[in-house]
Amino acid sequence: MTDIKNNTQYFEESFDKQALVSIDILECEFEECEFNDCDFSSAIFKQCNFLNSSFNRCNLSLIKIPSSRFFEVDFIDCKLVGIDWTVAQWSSFNLCSELTFSRCILNDSSFFGLSLNELKLDECKLHEVDFREGDFAKSAMTYCDFTNSLFMRTNLQSVDFTESNNFTIDVLENRVSKAKFTRYEALSLLNSLDIELVD
């Protein structure tokens, strides 16, 4: 089993069933690595780089990621509750999000003010997530539950919300042109227009 040590570069390594709860991981680089069934809850990843890597069935709840970078990173069947993604370091040159979340729980997280075009969220639970002031144009947010999530002055142009539900999006306060919604769920968009629907 590979141990994680500070100030170390890892390439094509596999980290399996590691329990590193509430530890500090400093200035590490992970390129083309896999994390499987690991528990990193409440850990701090400071100034770390994750490149072309994947997390599978990991618990990453309440991790802190100050000045860490993510490029082409996949999260599959992971728990990612209470993460402030705004403190990571995001490229000002490449606006594509480079993040994919599949069947993940991201409740109580913040993407406030981030420009993450082409973000991919599939079959995720996103309760009380902050998307305000962000730019998520051309993202795919399909089969997701957005209960009590916040959208305000958010760019959602050309976002695919197919089969997603429980969102509250004010069409007057957000940019939603060319966004795609399932027909029935799209009716909720009319709530912000103060109009009455009659059968």
C-alpha atoms as a PDB file:
ATOM      1  CA  MET A   1       0.000   0.000   0.000  1.00  0.00           C
ATOM      2  CA  THR A   2       1.364   3.413  -0.971  1.00  0.00           C
ATOM      3  CA  ASP A   3       1.542   5.928   1.870  1.00  0.00           C
ATOM      4  CA  ILE A   4       0.930   9.611   1.251  1.00  0.00           C
ATOM      5  CA  LYS A   5       3.759  11.864   2.408  1.00  0.00           C
ATOM      6  CA  ASN A   6       3.967  15.641   2.222  1.00  0.00           C
ATOM      7  CA  ASN A   7       5.909  17.343  -0.585  1.00  0.00           C
ATOM      8  CA  THR A   8       5.812  14.229  -2.773  1.00  0.00           C
ATOM      9  CA  GLN A   9       4.885  13.563  -6.401  1.00  0.00           C
ATOM     10  CA  TYR A  10       2.863  10.469  -7.246  1.00  0.00           C
ATOM     11  CA  PHE A  11       2.365   9.123 -10.779  1.00  0.00           C
ATOM     12  CA  GLU A  12       0.039   6.274 -11.740  1.00  0.00           C
ATOM     13  CA  GLU A  13      -0.331   5.214  -8.115  1.00  0.00           C
ATOM     14  CA  SER A  14      -3.365   3.505  -6.626  1.00  0.00           C
ATOM     15  CA  PHE A  15      -4.458   4.361  -3.090  1.00  0.00           C
ATOM     16  CA  ASP A  16      -6.875   1.759  -1.707  1.00  0.00           C
ATOM     17  CA  LYS A  17      -8.903   1.765   1.512  1.00  0.00           C
ATOM     18  CA  GLN A  18      -6.768   4.392   3.192  1.00  0.00           C
ATOM     19  CA  ALA A  19      -8.232   6.053   6.283  1.00  0.00           C
ATOM     20  CA  LEU A  20      -6.594   9.460   6.585  1.00  0.00           C
ATOM     21  CA  VAL A  21      -9.165  11.371   8.599  1.00  0.00           C
ATOM     22  CA  SER A  22      -8.410  14.942   9.713  1.00  0.00           C
ATOM     23  CA  ILE A  23      -4.803  14.883   8.536  1.00  0.00           C
ATOM     24  CA  ASP A  24      -2.864  17.619   6.709  1.00  0.00           C
ATOM     25  CA  ILE A  25      -1.541  16.770   3.259  1.00  0.00           C
ATOM     26  CA  LEU A  26       0.781  19.489   1.985  1.00  0.00           C
ATOM     27  CA  GLU A  27       2.162  20.280  -1.476  1.00  0.00           C
ATOM     28  CA  CYS A  28       1.631  16.876  -3.066  1.00  0.00           C
ATOM     29  CA  GLU A  29       1.042  16.183  -6.741  1.00  0.00           C
ATOM     30  CA  PHE A  30      -1.090  13.273  -7.897  1.00  0.00           C
ATOM     31  CA  GLU A  31      -1.006  12.550 -11.636  1.00  0.00           C
ATOM     32  CA  GLU A  32      -3.045   9.736 -13.178  1.00  0.00           C
ATOM     33  CA  CYS A  33      -3.732   8.327  -9.718  1.00  0.00           C
ATOM     34  CA  GLU A  34      -6.701   6.366  -8.386  1.00  0.00           C
ATOM     35  CA  PHE A  35      -8.217   6.644  -4.925  1.00  0.00           C
ATOM     36  CA  ASN A  36     -10.498   3.702  -4.095  1.00  0.00           C
ATOM     37  CA  ASP A  37     -12.652   3.309  -0.960  1.00  0.00           C
ATOM     38  CA  CYS A  38     -10.604   5.885   0.965  1.00  0.00           C
ATOM     39  CA  ASP A  39     -11.754   8.027   3.898  1.00  0.00           C
ATOM     40  CA  PHE A  40     -10.264  11.530   3.783  1.00  0.00           C
ATOM     41  CA  SER A  41     -13.067  13.202   5.766  1.00  0.00           C
ATOM     42  CA  SER A  42     -12.031  16.496   7.389  1.00  0.00           C
ATOM     43  CA  ALA A  43      -8.544  16.261   5.872  1.00  0.00           C
ATOM     44  CA  ILE A  44      -6.733  19.352   4.595  1.00  0.00           C
ATOM     45  CA  PHE A  45      -5.200  19.198   1.108  1.00  0.00           C
ATOM     46  CA  LYS A  46      -3.099  22.366   0.957  1.00  0.00           C
ATOM     47  CA  GLN A  47      -1.432  23.429  -2.311  1.00  0.00           C
ATOM     48  CA  CYS A  48      -1.904  19.969  -3.814  1.00  0.00           C
ATOM     49  CA  ASN A  49      -2.337  19.192  -7.518  1.00  0.00           C
ATOM     50  CA  PHE A  50      -4.690  16.502  -8.819  1.00  0.00           C
ATOM     51  CA  LEU A  51      -4.172  15.761 -12.516  1.00  0.00           C
ATOM     52  CA  ASN A  52      -6.110  13.216 -14.567  1.00  0.00           C
ATOM     53  CA  SER A  53      -7.056  11.304 -11.430  1.00  0.00           C
ATOM     54  CA  SER A  54     -10.166   9.632 -10.051  1.00  0.00           C
ATOM     55  CA  PHE A  55     -11.826   9.099  -6.680  1.00  0.00           C
ATOM     56  CA  ASN A  56     -14.041   6.025  -6.394  1.00  0.00           C
ATOM     57  CA  ARG A  57     -16.357   5.375  -3.423  1.00  0.00           C
ATOM     58  CA  CYS A  58     -14.395   7.795  -1.230  1.00  0.00           C
ATOM     59  CA  ASN A  59     -15.536   9.881   1.727  1.00  0.00           C
ATOM     60  CA  LEU A  60     -14.241  13.420   1.204  1.00  0.00           C
ATOM     61  CA  SER A  61     -16.760  15.221   3.391  1.00  0.00           C
ATOM     62  CA  LEU A  62     -15.587  18.429   5.054  1.00  0.00           C
ATOM     63  CA  ILE A  63     -12.175  18.359   3.383  1.00  0.00           C
ATOM     64  CA  LYS A  64     -10.426  21.687   2.945  1.00  0.00           C
ATOM     65  CA  ILE A  65      -8.615  22.386  -0.321  1.00  0.00           C
ATOM     66  CA  PRO A  66      -6.809  25.751   0.022  1.00  0.00           C
ATOM     67  CA  SER A  67      -4.848  26.633  -3.135  1.00  0.00           C
ATOM     68  CA  SER A  68      -5.149  23.098  -4.508  1.00  0.00           C
ATOM     69  CA  ARG A  69      -5.639  22.510  -8.247  1.00  0.00           C
ATOM     70  CA  PHE A  70      -7.908  20.035 -10.013  1.00  0.00           C
ATOM     71  CA  PHE A  71      -7.494  19.147 -13.696  1.00  0.00           C
ATOM     72  CA  GLU A  72      -9.534  16.358 -15.312  1.00  0.00           C
ATOM     73  CA  VAL A  73     -10.598  14.799 -12.017  1.00  0.00           C
ATOM     74  CA  ASP A  74     -13.492  12.334 -11.712  1.00  0.00           C
ATOM     75  CA  PHE A  75     -15.475  11.648  -8.538  1.00  0.00           C
ATOM     76  CA  ILE A  76     -17.599   8.484  -8.698  1.00  0.00           C
ATOM     77  CA  ASP A  77     -19.940   7.315  -5.908  1.00  0.00           C
ATOM     78  CA  CYS A  78     -18.243   9.705  -3.479  1.00  0.00           C
ATOM     79  CA  LYS A  79     -19.472  11.657  -0.468  1.00  0.00           C
ATOM     80  CA  LEU A  80     -18.355  15.299  -0.729  1.00  0.00           C
ATOM     81  CA  VAL A  81     -20.473  17.114   1.855  1.00  0.00           C
ATOM     82  CA  GLY A  82     -19.629  20.611   3.071  1.00  0.00           C
ATOM     83  CA  ILE A  83     -16.756  21.462   0.720  1.00  0.00           C
ATOM     84  CA  ASP A  84     -15.873  25.061  -0.136  1.00  0.00           C
ATOM     85  CA  TRP A  85     -14.632  24.711  -3.720  1.00  0.00           C
ATOM     86  CA  THR A  86     -14.010  28.460  -3.951  1.00  0.00           C
ATOM     87  CA  VAL A  87     -10.715  28.239  -2.019  1.00  0.00           C
ATOM     88  CA  ALA A  88      -9.111  25.964  -4.611  1.00  0.00           C
ATOM     89  CA  GLN A  89      -6.900  27.450  -7.308  1.00  0.00           C
ATOM     90  CA  TRP A  90      -8.713  27.612 -10.646  1.00  0.00           C
ATOM     91  CA  SER A  91      -7.033  28.435 -13.930  1.00  0.00           C
ATOM     92  CA  SER A  92      -7.911  31.845 -15.364  1.00  0.00           C
ATOM     93  CA  PHE A  93      -6.959  30.590 -18.823  1.00  0.00           C
ATOM     94  CA  ASN A  94      -9.022  27.408 -19.056  1.00  0.00           C
ATOM     95  CA  LEU A  95     -12.620  28.052 -18.040  1.00  0.00           C
ATOM     96  CA  CYS A  96     -13.681  24.423 -18.450  1.00  0.00           C
ATOM     97  CA  SER A  97     -14.364  22.916 -15.057  1.00  0.00           C
ATOM     98  CA  GLU A  98     -12.280  19.762 -15.514  1.00  0.00           C
ATOM     99  CA  LEU A  99     -14.501  18.164 -12.859  1.00  0.00           C
ATOM    100  CA  THR A 100     -16.910  15.254 -13.222  1.00  0.00           C
ATOM    101  CA  PHE A 101     -19.193  14.039 -10.431  1.00  0.00           C
ATOM    102  CA  SER A 102     -21.181  10.818 -10.898  1.00  0.00           C
ATOM    103  CA  ARG A 103     -23.636   9.521  -8.271  1.00  0.00           C
ATOM    104  CA  CYS A 104     -22.084  11.767  -5.613  1.00  0.00           C
ATOM    105  CA  ILE A 105     -23.469  13.584  -2.581  1.00  0.00           C
ATOM    106  CA  LEU A 106     -22.387  17.242  -2.597  1.00  0.00           C
ATOM    107  CA  ASN A 107     -24.784  18.711  -0.038  1.00  0.00           C
ATOM    108  CA  ASP A 108     -23.895  21.998   1.714  1.00  0.00           C
ATOM    109  CA  SER A 109     -21.060  22.791  -0.702  1.00  0.00           C
ATOM    110  CA  SER A 110     -20.138  26.117  -2.284  1.00  0.00           C
ATOM    111  CA  PHE A 111     -19.299  26.959  -5.888  1.00  0.00           C
ATOM    112  CA  PHE A 112     -20.030  30.670  -5.278  1.00  0.00           C
ATOM    113  CA  GLY A 113     -18.626  32.931  -7.979  1.00  0.00           C
ATOM    114  CA  LEU A 114     -16.657  30.228  -9.776  1.00  0.00           C
ATOM    115  CA  SER A 115     -16.334  29.971 -13.561  1.00  0.00           C
ATOM    116  CA  LEU A 116     -16.613  26.254 -14.211  1.00  0.00           C
ATOM    117  CA  ASN A 117     -17.921  25.844 -17.736  1.00  0.00           C
ATOM    118  CA  GLU A 118     -18.751  22.293 -18.796  1.00  0.00           C
ATOM    119  CA  LEU A 119     -19.016  21.041 -15.220  1.00  0.00           C
ATOM    120  CA  LYS A 120     -20.451  17.502 -15.244  1.00  0.00           C
ATOM    121  CA  LEU A 121     -22.914  16.411 -12.563  1.00  0.00           C
ATOM    122  CA  ASP A 122     -24.796  13.161 -13.111  1.00  0.00           C
ATOM    123  CA  GLU A 123     -27.202  11.524 -10.646  1.00  0.00           C
ATOM    124  CA  CYS A 124     -25.915  13.685  -7.800  1.00  0.00           C
ATOM    125  CA  LYS A 125     -27.584  14.955  -4.646  1.00  0.00           C
ATOM    126  CA  LEU A 126     -26.983  18.713  -4.336  1.00  0.00           C
ATOM    127  CA  HIS A 127     -29.022  19.925  -1.366  1.00  0.00           C
ATOM    128  CA  GLU A 128     -28.317  23.511  -0.253  1.00  0.00           C
ATOM    129  CA  VAL A 129     -25.420  24.023  -2.664  1.00  0.00           C
ATOM    130  CA  ASP A 130     -24.408  27.617  -3.467  1.00  0.00           C
ATOM    131  CA  PHE A 131     -24.137  28.331  -7.201  1.00  0.00           C
ATOM    132  CA  ARG A 132     -24.698  32.099  -6.888  1.00  0.00           C
ATOM    133  CA  GLU A 133     -22.692  34.482  -9.089  1.00  0.00           C
ATOM    134  CA  GLY A 134     -21.111  31.523 -10.906  1.00  0.00           C
ATOM    135  CA  ASP A 135     -20.619  30.762 -14.590  1.00  0.00           C
ATOM    136  CA  PHE A 136     -21.561  27.170 -15.439  1.00  0.00           C
ATOM    137  CA  ALA A 137     -22.373  27.610 -19.127  1.00  0.00           C
ATOM    138  CA  LYS A 138     -22.533  24.429 -21.219  1.00  0.00           C
ATOM    139  CA  SER A 139     -22.487  22.207 -18.125  1.00  0.00           C
ATOM    140  CA  ALA A 140     -24.349  18.912 -17.844  1.00  0.00           C
ATOM    141  CA  MET A 141     -26.355  18.653 -14.614  1.00  0.00           C
ATOM    142  CA  THR A 142     -28.549  15.654 -15.355  1.00  0.00           C
ATOM    143  CA  TYR A 143     -30.639  13.430 -13.054  1.00  0.00           C
ATOM    144  CA  CYS A 144     -29.697  15.603 -10.059  1.00  0.00           C
ATOM    145  CA  ASP A 145     -31.627  16.756  -6.978  1.00  0.00           C
ATOM    146  CA  PHE A 146     -31.139  20.492  -6.303  1.00  0.00           C
ATOM    147  CA  THR A 147     -33.314  20.839  -3.195  1.00  0.00           C
ATOM    148  CA  ASN A 148     -32.771  24.287  -1.580  1.00  0.00           C
ATOM    149  CA  SER A 149     -29.747  25.069  -3.764  1.00  0.00           C
ATOM    150  CA  LEU A 150     -29.070  28.729  -4.521  1.00  0.00           C
ATOM    151  CA  PHE A 151     -29.000  30.261  -8.001  1.00  0.00           C
ATOM    152  CA  MET A 152     -28.678  34.060  -8.244  1.00  0.00           C
ATOM    153  CA  ARG A 153     -26.993  35.972 -11.072  1.00  0.00           C
ATOM    154  CA  THR A 154     -25.772  32.581 -12.275  1.00  0.00           C
ATOM    155  CA  ASN A 155     -24.886  31.884 -15.895  1.00  0.00           C
ATOM    156  CA  LEU A 156     -26.720  28.691 -16.826  1.00  0.00           C
ATOM    157  CA  GLN A 157     -26.724  29.204 -20.575  1.00  0.00           C
ATOM    158  CA  SER A 158     -26.871  25.953 -22.546  1.00  0.00           C
ATOM    159  CA  VAL A 159     -26.831  23.873 -19.344  1.00  0.00           C
ATOM    160  CA  ASP A 160     -28.459  20.443 -19.657  1.00  0.00           C
ATOM    161  CA  PHE A 161     -30.805  19.909 -16.677  1.00  0.00           C
ATOM    162  CA  THR A 162     -32.481  16.850 -18.210  1.00  0.00           C
ATOM    163  CA  GLU A 163     -34.318  14.777 -15.544  1.00  0.00           C
ATOM    164  CA  SER A 164     -33.040  17.014 -12.725  1.00  0.00           C
ATOM    165  CA  ASN A 165     -35.547  18.264 -10.166  1.00  0.00           C
ATOM    166  CA  ASN A 166     -36.277  20.361  -7.075  1.00  0.00           C
ATOM    167  CA  PHE A 167     -34.448  23.428  -8.406  1.00  0.00           C
ATOM    168  CA  THR A 168     -35.554  27.010  -7.723  1.00  0.00           C
ATOM    169  CA  ILE A 169     -34.238  29.158 -10.560  1.00  0.00           C
ATOM    170  CA  ASP A 170     -35.540  32.697 -11.058  1.00  0.00           C
ATOM    171  CA  VAL A 171     -35.463  33.211 -14.823  1.00  0.00           C
ATOM    172  CA  LEU A 172     -35.275  36.988 -14.290  1.00  0.00           C
ATOM    173  CA  GLU A 173     -32.216  36.757 -12.034  1.00  0.00           C
ATOM    174  CA  ASN A 174     -30.285  34.058 -13.891  1.00  0.00           C
ATOM    175  CA  ARG A 175     -29.166  33.507 -17.482  1.00  0.00           C
ATOM    176  CA  VAL A 176     -30.917  30.392 -18.775  1.00  0.00           C
ATOM    177  CA  SER A 177     -31.069  30.856 -22.550  1.00  0.00           C
ATOM    178  CA  LYS A 178     -30.738  27.566 -24.470  1.00  0.00           C
ATOM    179  CA  ALA A 179     -30.732  25.580 -21.212  1.00  0.00           C
ATOM    180  CA  LYS A 180     -32.466  22.200 -21.449  1.00  0.00           C
ATOM    181  CA  PHE A 181     -35.106  21.086 -18.936  1.00  0.00           C
ATOM    182  CA  THR A 182     -37.436  18.118 -18.686  1.00  0.00           C
ATOM    183  CA  ARG A 183     -40.881  19.415 -19.675  1.00  0.00           C
ATOM    184  CA  TYR A 184     -42.660  18.886 -16.350  1.00  0.00           C
ATOM    185  CA  GLU A 185     -39.807  20.252 -14.222  1.00  0.00           C
ATOM    186  CA  ALA A 186     -39.566  23.313 -16.472  1.00  0.00           C
ATOM    187  CA  LEU A 187     -42.936  24.467 -15.096  1.00  0.00           C
ATOM    188  CA  SER A 188     -41.181  25.361 -11.841  1.00  0.00           C
ATOM    189  CA  LEU A 189     -39.337  28.102 -13.739  1.00  0.00           C
ATOM    190  CA  LEU A 190     -42.647  29.965 -14.042  1.00  0.00           C
ATOM    191  CA  ASN A 191     -42.876  30.408 -10.263  1.00  0.00           C
ATOM    192  CA  SER A 192     -40.578  33.424 -10.484  1.00  0.00           C
ATOM    193  CA  LEU A 193     -42.861  35.222 -12.961  1.00  0.00           C
ATOM    194  CA  ASP A 194     -45.802  35.773 -10.565  1.00  0.00           C
ATOM    195  CA  ILE A 195     -48.278  34.316 -13.013  1.00  0.00           C
ATOM    196  CA  GLU A 196     -51.172  31.899 -12.555  1.00  0.00           C
ATOM    197  CA  LEU A 197     -51.345  28.650 -14.479  1.00  0.00           C
ATOM    198  CA  VAL A 198     -54.822  27.412 -15.403  1.00  0.00           C
ATOM    199  CA  ASP A 199     -55.588  23.857 -16.558  1.00  0.00           C
END
